[in-house]
């Protein structure tokens, strides 16, 4: 059932990319900084599943928006610290923005 949702399919692809990237971060930050990014990305997946299966989708979708904003800041910092290349940073920012628009539209329809 989750595959029926474009937002789920989109996030699943993003999540795979994120997990691959954070595994390549330096060992010195692997259990702190990269772990936090991975946890937030997995939290988004959990919130997506909750939004799909719950009647009141607004709280889960709002939490997704909050986690996306946190991820944007973490990826910005990762780029500044040179854990991500310019191309990788550009890619993830674009993907997060596209996904954020999908969630925003879903949230708007859930409020209406």
PDB file of N, CA and C in Angstrom:
ATOM      1  N   UNK A   1       0.815  -1.203   0.000  1.00  0.00           N
ATOM      2  CA  UNK A   1       0.000   0.000   0.000  1.00  0.00           C
ATOM      3  C   UNK A   1       0.856   1.263   0.000  1.00  0.00           C
ATOM      4  N   UNK A   2       1.966   1.238   0.689  1.00  0.00           N
ATOM      5  CA  UNK A   2       2.799   2.442   0.746  1.00  0.00           C
ATOM      6  C   UNK A   2       3.343   2.829  -0.626  1.00  0.00           C
ATOM      7  N   UNK A   3       3.535   1.841  -1.499  1.00  0.00           N
ATOM      8  CA  UNK A   3       4.048   2.135  -2.842  1.00  0.00           C
ATOM      9  C   UNK A   3       3.035   2.882  -3.702  1.00  0.00           C
ATOM     10  N   UNK A   4       1.783   2.971  -3.243  1.00  0.00           N
ATOM     11  CA  UNK A   4       0.760   3.719  -3.966  1.00  0.00           C
ATOM     12  C   UNK A   4       0.934   5.225  -3.783  1.00  0.00           C
ATOM     13  N   UNK A   5       1.808   5.628  -2.897  1.00  0.00           N
ATOM     14  CA  UNK A   5       1.999   7.042  -2.581  1.00  0.00           C
ATOM     15  C   UNK A   5       3.301   7.542  -3.212  1.00  0.00           C
ATOM     16  N   UNK A   6       3.204   8.510  -4.119  1.00  0.00           N
ATOM     17  CA  UNK A   6       4.420   9.042  -4.753  1.00  0.00           C
ATOM     18  C   UNK A   6       5.412   9.609  -3.732  1.00  0.00           C
ATOM     19  N   UNK A   7       4.914  10.223  -2.671  1.00  0.00           N
ATOM     20  CA  UNK A   7       5.803  10.788  -1.655  1.00  0.00           C
ATOM     21  C   UNK A   7       6.606   9.682  -0.970  1.00  0.00           C
ATOM     22  N   UNK A   8       5.976   8.550  -0.747  1.00  0.00           N
ATOM     23  CA  UNK A   8       6.684   7.438  -0.131  1.00  0.00           C
ATOM     24  C   UNK A   8       7.788   6.925  -1.055  1.00  0.00           C
ATOM     25  N   UNK A   9       7.454   6.729  -2.319  1.00  0.00           N
ATOM     26  CA  UNK A   9       8.453   6.236  -3.283  1.00  0.00           C
ATOM     27  C   UNK A   9       9.613   7.221  -3.397  1.00  0.00           C
ATOM     28  N   UNK A  10       9.295   8.507  -3.413  1.00  0.00           N
ATOM     29  CA  UNK A  10      10.330   9.547  -3.503  1.00  0.00           C
ATOM     30  C   UNK A  10      11.236   9.493  -2.279  1.00  0.00           C
ATOM     31  N   UNK A  11      10.636   9.436  -1.094  1.00  0.00           N
ATOM     32  CA  UNK A  11      11.454   9.440   0.120  1.00  0.00           C
ATOM     33  C   UNK A  11      12.288   8.173   0.233  1.00  0.00           C
ATOM     34  N   UNK A  12      11.740   7.064  -0.186  1.00  0.00           N
ATOM     35  CA  UNK A  12      12.473   5.803  -0.125  1.00  0.00           C
ATOM     36  C   UNK A  12      13.761   5.897  -0.949  1.00  0.00           C
ATOM     37  N   UNK A  13      13.665   6.503  -2.128  1.00  0.00           N
ATOM     38  CA  UNK A  13      14.850   6.691  -2.976  1.00  0.00           C
ATOM     39  C   UNK A  13      15.832   7.664  -2.322  1.00  0.00           C
ATOM     40  N   UNK A  14      15.315   8.746  -1.756  1.00  0.00           N
ATOM     41  CA  UNK A  14      16.175   9.727  -1.076  1.00  0.00           C
ATOM     42  C   UNK A  14      16.862   9.062   0.113  1.00  0.00           C
ATOM     43  N   UNK A  15      16.113   8.295   0.871  1.00  0.00           N
ATOM     44  CA  UNK A  15      16.658   7.638   2.056  1.00  0.00           C
ATOM     45  C   UNK A  15      17.814   6.716   1.691  1.00  0.00           C
ATOM     46  N   UNK A  16      17.673   5.955   0.639  1.00  0.00           N
ATOM     47  CA  UNK A  16      18.770   5.092   0.200  1.00  0.00           C
ATOM     48  C   UNK A  16      20.016   5.911  -0.125  1.00  0.00           C
ATOM     49  N   UNK A  17      19.838   7.023  -0.806  1.00  0.00           N
ATOM     50  CA  UNK A  17      20.960   7.895  -1.150  1.00  0.00           C
ATOM     51  C   UNK A  17      21.602   8.452   0.124  1.00  0.00           C
ATOM     52  N   UNK A  18      20.775   8.933   1.043  1.00  0.00           N
ATOM     53  CA  UNK A  18      21.275   9.524   2.292  1.00  0.00           C
ATOM     54  C   UNK A  18      22.084   8.497   3.080  1.00  0.00           C
ATOM     55  N   UNK A  19      21.548   7.306   3.229  1.00  0.00           N
ATOM     56  CA  UNK A  19      22.249   6.287   4.009  1.00  0.00           C
ATOM     57  C   UNK A  19      23.575   5.902   3.361  1.00  0.00           C
ATOM     58  N   UNK A  20      23.610   5.852   2.043  1.00  0.00           N
ATOM     59  CA  UNK A  20      24.878   5.589   1.348  1.00  0.00           C
ATOM     60  C   UNK A  20      25.890   6.705   1.597  1.00  0.00           C
ATOM     61  N   UNK A  21      25.438   7.957   1.568  1.00  0.00           N
ATOM     62  CA  UNK A  21      26.359   9.084   1.750  1.00  0.00           C
ATOM     63  C   UNK A  21      26.898   9.144   3.165  1.00  0.00           C
ATOM     64  N   UNK A  22      26.033   9.007   4.172  1.00  0.00           N
ATOM     65  CA  UNK A  22      26.514   9.173   5.545  1.00  0.00           C
ATOM     66  C   UNK A  22      27.467   8.051   5.937  1.00  0.00           C
ATOM     67  N   UNK A  23      27.353   6.914   5.284  1.00  0.00           N
ATOM     68  CA  UNK A  23      28.312   5.833   5.529  1.00  0.00           C
ATOM     69  C   UNK A  23      29.712   6.201   5.054  1.00  0.00           C
ATOM     70  N   UNK A  24      29.802   7.180   4.185  1.00  0.00           N
ATOM     71  CA  UNK A  24      31.094   7.606   3.648  1.00  0.00           C
ATOM     72  C   UNK A  24      31.690   8.797   4.398  1.00  0.00           C
ATOM     73  N   UNK A  25      30.973   9.317   5.375  1.00  0.00           N
ATOM     74  CA  UNK A  25      31.505  10.411   6.174  1.00  0.00           C
ATOM     75  C   UNK A  25      32.704   9.894   6.966  1.00  0.00           C
ATOM     76  N   UNK A  26      33.586  10.789   7.393  1.00  0.00           N
ATOM     77  CA  UNK A  26      34.751  10.361   8.185  1.00  0.00           C
ATOM     78  C   UNK A  26      34.335   9.617   9.453  1.00  0.00           C
ATOM     79  N   UNK A  27      35.168   8.679   9.858  1.00  0.00           N
ATOM     80  CA  UNK A  27      34.865   7.893  11.051  1.00  0.00           C
ATOM     81  C   UNK A  27      34.700   8.759  12.293  1.00  0.00           C
ATOM     82  N   UNK A  28      35.387   9.874  12.316  1.00  0.00           N
ATOM     83  CA  UNK A  28      35.331  10.746  13.493  1.00  0.00           C
ATOM     84  C   UNK A  28      33.933  11.328  13.732  1.00  0.00           C
ATOM     85  N   UNK A  29      33.091  11.371  12.699  1.00  0.00           N
ATOM     86  CA  UNK A  29      31.737  11.913  12.857  1.00  0.00           C
ATOM     87  C   UNK A  29      30.659  10.878  12.549  1.00  0.00           C
ATOM     88  N   UNK A  30      31.063   9.651  12.312  1.00  0.00           N
ATOM     89  CA  UNK A  30      30.115   8.631  11.875  1.00  0.00           C
ATOM     90  C   UNK A  30      29.053   8.325  12.931  1.00  0.00           C
ATOM     91  N   UNK A  31      29.403   8.384  14.198  1.00  0.00           N
ATOM     92  CA  UNK A  31      28.440   8.021  15.231  1.00  0.00           C
ATOM     93  C   UNK A  31      27.773   9.238  15.864  1.00  0.00           C
ATOM     94  N   UNK A  32      28.139  10.406  15.432  1.00  0.00           N
ATOM     95  CA  UNK A  32      27.488  11.603  15.953  1.00  0.00           C
ATOM     96  C   UNK A  32      26.738  12.309  14.828  1.00  0.00           C
ATOM     97  N   UNK A  33      27.465  13.000  14.017  1.00  0.00           N
ATOM     98  CA  UNK A  33      26.872  13.823  12.965  1.00  0.00           C
ATOM     99  C   UNK A  33      26.132  12.986  11.918  1.00  0.00           C
ATOM    100  N   UNK A  34      26.802  12.002  11.346  1.00  0.00           N
ATOM    101  CA  UNK A  34      26.152  11.198  10.302  1.00  0.00           C
ATOM    102  C   UNK A  34      25.042  10.336  10.896  1.00  0.00           C
ATOM    103  N   UNK A  35      25.224   9.905  12.138  1.00  0.00           N
ATOM    104  CA  UNK A  35      24.174   9.145  12.802  1.00  0.00           C
ATOM    105  C   UNK A  35      22.919   9.970  12.990  1.00  0.00           C
ATOM    106  N   UNK A  36      23.102  11.237  13.307  1.00  0.00           N
ATOM    107  CA  UNK A  36      21.950  12.135  13.491  1.00  0.00           C
ATOM    108  C   UNK A  36      21.202  12.338  12.180  1.00  0.00           C
ATOM    109  N   UNK A  37      21.933  12.491  11.087  1.00  0.00           N
ATOM    110  CA  UNK A  37      21.297  12.641   9.775  1.00  0.00           C
ATOM    111  C   UNK A  37      20.509  11.376   9.432  1.00  0.00           C
ATOM    112  N   UNK A  38      21.131  10.224   9.632  1.00  0.00           N
ATOM    113  CA  UNK A  38      20.454   8.955   9.344  1.00  0.00           C
ATOM    114  C   UNK A  38      19.198   8.806  10.202  1.00  0.00           C
ATOM    115  N   UNK A  39      19.292   9.169  11.480  1.00  0.00           N
ATOM    116  CA  UNK A  39      18.130   9.063  12.366  1.00  0.00           C
ATOM    117  C   UNK A  39      16.983   9.958  11.892  1.00  0.00           C
ATOM    118  N   UNK A  40      17.304  11.190  11.510  1.00  0.00           N
ATOM    119  CA  UNK A  40      16.266  12.099  11.022  1.00  0.00           C
ATOM    120  C   UNK A  40      15.624  11.569   9.748  1.00  0.00           C
ATOM    121  N   UNK A  41      16.438  11.045   8.845  1.00  0.00           N
ATOM    122  CA  UNK A  41      15.916  10.507   7.593  1.00  0.00           C
ATOM    123  C   UNK A  41      15.010   9.307   7.859  1.00  0.00           C
ATOM    124  N   UNK A  42      15.391   8.471   8.803  1.00  0.00           N
ATOM    125  CA  UNK A  42      14.548   7.330   9.170  1.00  0.00           C
ATOM    126  C   UNK A  42      13.276   7.779   9.885  1.00  0.00           C
ATOM    127  N   UNK A  43      13.372   8.860  10.668  1.00  0.00           N
ATOM    128  CA  UNK A  43      12.179   9.420  11.308  1.00  0.00           C
ATOM    129  C   UNK A  43      11.174   9.886  10.263  1.00  0.00           C
ATOM    130  N   UNK A  44      11.675  10.481   9.182  1.00  0.00           N
ATOM    131  CA  UNK A  44      10.782  10.909   8.106  1.00  0.00           C
ATOM    132  C   UNK A  44      10.050   9.697   7.528  1.00  0.00           C
ATOM    133  N   UNK A  45      10.757   8.604   7.327  1.00  0.00           N
ATOM    134  CA  UNK A  45      10.124   7.390   6.814  1.00  0.00           C
ATOM    135  C   UNK A  45       9.023   6.914   7.767  1.00  0.00           C
ATOM    136  N   UNK A  46       9.313   6.905   9.058  1.00  0.00           N
ATOM    137  CA  UNK A  46       8.306   6.496  10.037  1.00  0.00           C
ATOM    138  C   UNK A  46       7.093   7.411  10.008  1.00  0.00           C
ATOM    139  N   UNK A  47       7.332   8.725   9.938  1.00  0.00           N
ATOM    140  CA  UNK A  47       6.227   9.681   9.883  1.00  0.00           C
ATOM    141  C   UNK A  47       5.403   9.526   8.604  1.00  0.00           C
ATOM    142  N   UNK A  48       6.060   9.194   7.523  1.00  0.00           N
ATOM    143  CA  UNK A  48       5.343   8.950   6.267  1.00  0.00           C
ATOM    144  C   UNK A  48       4.397   7.759   6.407  1.00  0.00           C
ATOM    145  N   UNK A  49       4.894   6.697   6.998  1.00  0.00           N
ATOM    146  CA  UNK A  49       4.060   5.512   7.192  1.00  0.00           C
ATOM    147  C   UNK A  49       2.879   5.853   8.106  1.00  0.00           C
ATOM    148  N   UNK A  50       3.134   6.622   9.153  1.00  0.00           N
ATOM    149  CA  UNK A  50       2.051   7.042  10.034  1.00  0.00           C
ATOM    150  C   UNK A  50       1.027   7.892   9.289  1.00  0.00           C
ATOM    151  N   UNK A  51       1.499   8.786   8.433  1.00  0.00           N
ATOM    152  CA  UNK A  51       0.583   9.640   7.667  1.00  0.00           C
ATOM    153  C   UNK A  51      -0.268   8.806   6.708  1.00  0.00           C
ATOM    154  N   UNK A  52       0.322   7.799   6.127  1.00  0.00           N
ATOM    155  CA  UNK A  52      -0.419   6.952   5.187  1.00  0.00           C
ATOM    156  C   UNK A  52      -1.523   6.186   5.888  1.00  0.00           C
ATOM    157  N   UNK A  53      -1.243   5.678   7.066  1.00  0.00           N
ATOM    158  CA  UNK A  53      -2.185   4.785   7.735  1.00  0.00           C
ATOM    159  C   UNK A  53      -3.074   5.444   8.787  1.00  0.00           C
ATOM    160  N   UNK A  54      -2.829   6.697   9.129  1.00  0.00           N
ATOM    161  CA  UNK A  54      -3.655   7.321  10.165  1.00  0.00           C
ATOM    162  C   UNK A  54      -4.740   8.202   9.544  1.00  0.00           C
ATOM    163  N   UNK A  55      -5.763   8.443  10.331  1.00  0.00           N
ATOM    164  CA  UNK A  55      -6.853   9.310   9.859  1.00  0.00           C
ATOM    165  C   UNK A  55      -6.448  10.774   9.941  1.00  0.00           C
ATOM    166  N   UNK A  56      -5.792  11.152  11.028  1.00  0.00           N
ATOM    167  CA  UNK A  56      -5.322  12.533  11.167  1.00  0.00           C
ATOM    168  C   UNK A  56      -3.873  12.594  10.692  1.00  0.00           C
ATOM    169  N   UNK A  57      -3.694  13.031   9.482  1.00  0.00           N
ATOM    170  CA  UNK A  57      -2.384  13.039   8.850  1.00  0.00           C
ATOM    171  C   UNK A  57      -1.569  14.288   9.185  1.00  0.00           C
ATOM    172  N   UNK A  58      -2.242  15.314   9.689  1.00  0.00           N
ATOM    173  CA  UNK A  58      -1.595  16.614   9.859  1.00  0.00           C
ATOM    174  C   UNK A  58      -0.393  16.595  10.791  1.00  0.00           C
ATOM    175  N   UNK A  59      -0.496  15.913  11.912  1.00  0.00           N
ATOM    176  CA  UNK A  59       0.626  15.937  12.852  1.00  0.00           C
ATOM    177  C   UNK A  59       1.845  15.218  12.273  1.00  0.00           C
ATOM    178  N   UNK A  60       1.631  14.097  11.601  1.00  0.00           N
ATOM    179  CA  UNK A  60       2.749  13.371  10.986  1.00  0.00           C
ATOM    180  C   UNK A  60       3.380  14.196   9.866  1.00  0.00           C
ATOM    181  N   UNK A  61       2.550  14.825   9.055  1.00  0.00           N
ATOM    182  CA  UNK A  61       3.074  15.626   7.948  1.00  0.00           C
ATOM    183  C   UNK A  61       3.807  16.869   8.456  1.00  0.00           C
ATOM    184  N   UNK A  62       3.297  17.461   9.533  1.00  0.00           N
ATOM    185  CA  UNK A  62       3.993  18.611  10.131  1.00  0.00           C
ATOM    186  C   UNK A  62       5.346  18.199  10.691  1.00  0.00           C
ATOM    187  N   UNK A  63       5.411  17.019  11.287  1.00  0.00           N
ATOM    188  CA  UNK A  63       6.683  16.513  11.808  1.00  0.00           C
ATOM    189  C   UNK A  63       7.661  16.246  10.678  1.00  0.00           C
ATOM    190  N   UNK A  64       7.155  15.760   9.557  1.00  0.00           N
ATOM    191  CA  UNK A  64       8.016  15.559   8.390  1.00  0.00           C
ATOM    192  C   UNK A  64       8.622  16.882   7.952  1.00  0.00           C
ATOM    193  N   UNK A  65       7.795  17.922   7.892  1.00  0.00           N
ATOM    194  CA  UNK A  65       8.305  19.248   7.499  1.00  0.00           C
ATOM    195  C   UNK A  65       9.401  19.733   8.450  1.00  0.00           C
ATOM    196  N   UNK A  66       9.197  19.520   9.736  1.00  0.00           N
ATOM    197  CA  UNK A  66      10.205  19.936  10.713  1.00  0.00           C
ATOM    198  C   UNK A  66      11.501  19.161  10.518  1.00  0.00           C
ATOM    199  N   UNK A  67      11.401  17.858  10.310  1.00  0.00           N
ATOM    200  CA  UNK A  67      12.600  17.042  10.103  1.00  0.00           C
ATOM    201  C   UNK A  67      13.307  17.391   8.799  1.00  0.00           C
ATOM    202  N   UNK A  68      12.543  17.748   7.773  1.00  0.00           N
ATOM    203  CA  UNK A  68      13.170  18.176   6.513  1.00  0.00           C
ATOM    204  C   UNK A  68      13.985  19.443   6.719  1.00  0.00           C
ATOM    205  N   UNK A  69      13.464  20.354   7.496  1.00  0.00           N
ATOM    206  CA  UNK A  69      14.211  21.592   7.759  1.00  0.00           C
ATOM    207  C   UNK A  69      15.499  21.292   8.525  1.00  0.00           C
ATOM    208  N   UNK A  70      15.431  20.393   9.477  1.00  0.00           N
ATOM    209  CA  UNK A  70      16.630  19.985  10.212  1.00  0.00           C
ATOM    210  C   UNK A  70      17.635  19.330   9.264  1.00  0.00           C
ATOM    211  N   UNK A  71      17.146  18.455   8.385  1.00  0.00           N
ATOM    212  CA  UNK A  71      18.037  17.799   7.431  1.00  0.00           C
ATOM    213  C   UNK A  71      18.706  18.816   6.504  1.00  0.00           C
ATOM    214  N   UNK A  72      17.968  19.828   6.087  1.00  0.00           N
ATOM    215  CA  UNK A  72      18.562  20.869   5.243  1.00  0.00           C
ATOM    216  C   UNK A  72      19.760  21.519   5.940  1.00  0.00           C
ATOM    217  N   UNK A  73      19.599  21.798   7.224  1.00  0.00           N
ATOM    218  CA  UNK A  73      20.691  22.431   7.968  1.00  0.00           C
ATOM    219  C   UNK A  73      21.865  21.471   8.150  1.00  0.00           C
ATOM    220  N   UNK A  74      21.586  20.232   8.447  1.00  0.00           N
ATOM    221  CA  UNK A  74      22.662  19.251   8.596  1.00  0.00           C
ATOM    222  C   UNK A  74      23.426  19.047   7.295  1.00  0.00           C
ATOM    223  N   UNK A  75      22.713  18.985   6.174  1.00  0.00           N
ATOM    224  CA  UNK A  75      23.403  18.816   4.896  1.00  0.00           C
ATOM    225  C   UNK A  75      24.194  20.066   4.515  1.00  0.00           C
ATOM    226  N   UNK A  76      23.682  21.213   4.879  1.00  0.00           N
ATOM    227  CA  UNK A  76      24.438  22.448   4.637  1.00  0.00           C
ATOM    228  C   UNK A  76      25.755  22.421   5.414  1.00  0.00           C
ATOM    229  N   UNK A  77      25.686  22.024   6.661  1.00  0.00           N
ATOM    230  CA  UNK A  77      26.881  21.914   7.484  1.00  0.00           C
ATOM    231  C   UNK A  77      27.818  20.839   6.943  1.00  0.00           C
ATOM    232  N   UNK A  78      27.249  19.716   6.498  1.00  0.00           N
ATOM    233  CA  UNK A  78      28.072  18.638   5.924  1.00  0.00           C
ATOM    234  C   UNK A  78      28.818  19.139   4.687  1.00  0.00           C
ATOM    235  N   UNK A  79      28.173  19.951   3.899  1.00  0.00           N
ATOM    236  CA  UNK A  79      28.830  20.515   2.713  1.00  0.00           C
ATOM    237  C   UNK A  79      29.936  21.485   3.123  1.00  0.00           C
ATOM    238  N   UNK A  80      29.647  22.341   4.083  1.00  0.00           N
ATOM    239  CA  UNK A  80      30.650  23.306   4.542  1.00  0.00           C
ATOM    240  C   UNK A  80      31.861  22.608   5.149  1.00  0.00           C
ATOM    241  N   UNK A  81      31.645  21.464   5.778  1.00  0.00           N
ATOM    242  CA  UNK A  81      32.745  20.703   6.370  1.00  0.00           C
ATOM    243  C   UNK A  81      33.384  19.745   5.373  1.00  0.00           C
ATOM    244  N   UNK A  82      32.903  19.806   4.137  1.00  0.00           N
ATOM    245  CA  UNK A  82      33.439  19.024   3.014  1.00  0.00           C
ATOM    246  C   UNK A  82      33.219  17.517   3.139  1.00  0.00           C
ATOM    247  N   UNK A  83      32.114  17.150   3.797  1.00  0.00           N
ATOM    248  CA  UNK A  83      31.727  15.746   3.818  1.00  0.00           C
ATOM    249  C   UNK A  83      30.925  15.403   2.571  1.00  0.00           C
ATOM    250  N   UNK A  84      30.375  16.446   1.931  1.00  0.00           N
ATOM    251  CA  UNK A  84      29.631  16.306   0.680  1.00  0.00           C
ATOM    252  C   UNK A  84      30.259  17.209  -0.371  1.00  0.00           C
ATOM    253  N   UNK A  85      30.311  16.730  -1.596  1.00  0.00           N
ATOM    254  CA  UNK A  85      30.791  17.560  -2.696  1.00  0.00           C
ATOM    255  C   UNK A  85      29.707  18.574  -3.074  1.00  0.00           C
ATOM    256  N   UNK A  86      30.065  19.515  -3.893  1.00  0.00           N
ATOM    257  CA  UNK A  86      29.096  20.498  -4.370  1.00  0.00           C
ATOM    258  C   UNK A  86      27.951  19.849  -5.133  1.00  0.00           C
ATOM    259  N   UNK A  87      28.280  18.869  -5.950  1.00  0.00           N
ATOM    260  CA  UNK A  87      27.245  18.170  -6.723  1.00  0.00           C
ATOM    261  C   UNK A  87      26.326  17.364  -5.815  1.00  0.00           C
ATOM    262  N   UNK A  88      26.892  16.725  -4.812  1.00  0.00           N
ATOM    263  CA  UNK A  88      26.072  15.957  -3.871  1.00  0.00           C
ATOM    264  C   UNK A  88      25.145  16.882  -3.085  1.00  0.00           C
ATOM    265  N   UNK A  89      25.684  18.016  -2.652  1.00  0.00           N
ATOM    266  CA  UNK A  89      24.883  18.977  -1.906  1.00  0.00           C
ATOM    267  C   UNK A  89      23.749  19.522  -2.776  1.00  0.00           C
ATOM    268  N   UNK A  90      24.057  19.876  -3.998  1.00  0.00           N
ATOM    269  CA  UNK A  90      23.038  20.381  -4.917  1.00  0.00           C
ATOM    270  C   UNK A  90      21.953  19.331  -5.146  1.00  0.00           C
ATOM    271  N   UNK A  91      22.370  18.090  -5.318  1.00  0.00           N
ATOM    272  CA  UNK A  91      21.412  17.011  -5.530  1.00  0.00           C
ATOM    273  C   UNK A  91      20.470  16.862  -4.341  1.00  0.00           C
ATOM    274  N   UNK A  92      21.017  16.777  -3.133  1.00  0.00           N
ATOM    275  CA  UNK A  92      20.163  16.518  -1.979  1.00  0.00           C
ATOM    276  C   UNK A  92      19.258  17.705  -1.670  1.00  0.00           C
ATOM    277  N   UNK A  93      19.748  18.913  -1.875  1.00  0.00           N
ATOM    278  CA  UNK A  93      18.900  20.082  -1.642  1.00  0.00           C
ATOM    279  C   UNK A  93      17.720  20.077  -2.608  1.00  0.00           C
ATOM    280  N   UNK A  94      17.982  19.762  -3.863  1.00  0.00           N
ATOM    281  CA  UNK A  94      16.906  19.686  -4.860  1.00  0.00           C
ATOM    282  C   UNK A  94      15.903  18.607  -4.492  1.00  0.00           C
ATOM    283  N   UNK A  95      16.399  17.439  -4.095  1.00  0.00           N
ATOM    284  CA  UNK A  95      15.515  16.337  -3.727  1.00  0.00           C
ATOM    285  C   UNK A  95      14.681  16.678  -2.494  1.00  0.00           C
ATOM    286  N   UNK A  96      15.311  17.287  -1.491  1.00  0.00           N
ATOM    287  CA  UNK A  96      14.569  17.659  -0.280  1.00  0.00           C
ATOM    288  C   UNK A  96      13.501  18.690  -0.597  1.00  0.00           C
ATOM    289  N   UNK A  97      13.816  19.635  -1.472  1.00  0.00           N
ATOM    290  CA  UNK A  97      12.829  20.657  -1.847  1.00  0.00           C
ATOM    291  C   UNK A  97      11.654  20.046  -2.606  1.00  0.00           C
ATOM    292  N   UNK A  98      11.927  19.143  -3.529  1.00  0.00           N
ATOM    293  CA  UNK A  98      10.848  18.479  -4.265  1.00  0.00           C
ATOM    294  C   UNK A  98       9.970  17.661  -3.326  1.00  0.00           C
ATOM    295  N   UNK A  99      10.605  16.924  -2.445  1.00  0.00           N
ATOM    296  CA  UNK A  99       9.847  16.127  -1.487  1.00  0.00           C
ATOM    297  C   UNK A  99       9.038  17.039  -0.558  1.00  0.00           C
ATOM    298  N   UNK A 100       9.647  18.135  -0.134  1.00  0.00           N
ATOM    299  CA  UNK A 100       8.943  19.089   0.726  1.00  0.00           C
ATOM    300  C   UNK A 100       7.698  19.655   0.059  1.00  0.00           C
ATOM    301  N   UNK A 101       7.755  19.898  -1.237  1.00  0.00           N
ATOM    302  CA  UNK A 101       6.580  20.378  -1.961  1.00  0.00           C
ATOM    303  C   UNK A 101       5.488  19.314  -1.995  1.00  0.00           C
ATOM    304  N   UNK A 102       5.892  18.061  -2.147  1.00  0.00           N
ATOM    305  CA  UNK A 102       4.919  16.967  -2.142  1.00  0.00           C
ATOM    306  C   UNK A 102       4.218  16.888  -0.783  1.00  0.00           C
ATOM    307  N   UNK A 103       4.998  16.980   0.264  1.00  0.00           N
ATOM    308  CA  UNK A 103       4.430  16.909   1.622  1.00  0.00           C
ATOM    309  C   UNK A 103       3.570  18.130   1.894  1.00  0.00           C
ATOM    310  N   UNK A 104       4.017  19.289   1.441  1.00  0.00           N
ATOM    311  CA  UNK A 104       3.231  20.520   1.631  1.00  0.00           C
ATOM    312  C   UNK A 104       1.873  20.438   0.944  1.00  0.00           C
ATOM    313  N   UNK A 105       1.852  19.896  -0.261  1.00  0.00           N
ATOM    314  CA  UNK A 105       0.573  19.728  -0.957  1.00  0.00           C
ATOM    315  C   UNK A 105      -0.331  18.743  -0.240  1.00  0.00           C
ATOM    316  N   UNK A 106       0.263  17.677   0.256  1.00  0.00           N
ATOM    317  CA  UNK A 106      -0.494  16.668   1.003  1.00  0.00           C
ATOM    318  C   UNK A 106      -1.060  17.286   2.289  1.00  0.00           C
ATOM    319  N   UNK A 107      -0.240  18.078   2.964  1.00  0.00           N
ATOM    320  CA  UNK A 107      -0.673  18.735   4.201  1.00  0.00           C
ATOM    321  C   UNK A 107      -1.807  19.711   3.913  1.00  0.00           C
ATOM    322  N   UNK A 108      -1.687  20.453   2.829  1.00  0.00           N
ATOM    323  CA  UNK A 108      -2.736  21.410   2.467  1.00  0.00           C
ATOM    324  C   UNK A 108      -4.065  20.693   2.194  1.00  0.00           C
ATOM    325  N   UNK A 109      -3.995  19.557   1.501  1.00  0.00           N
ATOM    326  CA  UNK A 109      -5.229  18.806   1.220  1.00  0.00           C
ATOM    327  C   UNK A 109      -5.781  18.159   2.487  1.00  0.00           C
ATOM    328  N   UNK A 110      -4.919  17.792   3.425  1.00  0.00           N
ATOM    329  CA  UNK A 110      -5.378  17.192   4.683  1.00  0.00           C
ATOM    330  C   UNK A 110      -6.070  18.231   5.566  1.00  0.00           C
ATOM    331  N   UNK A 111      -5.649  19.491   5.457  1.00  0.00           N
ATOM    332  CA  UNK A 111      -6.285  20.548   6.246  1.00  0.00           C
ATOM    333  C   UNK A 111      -7.643  20.918   5.691  1.00  0.00           C
ATOM    334  N   UNK A 112      -7.782  20.812   4.377  1.00  0.00           N
ATOM    335  CA  UNK A 112      -9.028  21.199   3.708  1.00  0.00           C
ATOM    336  C   UNK A 112     -10.064  20.164   3.892  1.00  0.00           C
TER     337      UNK A 112
END
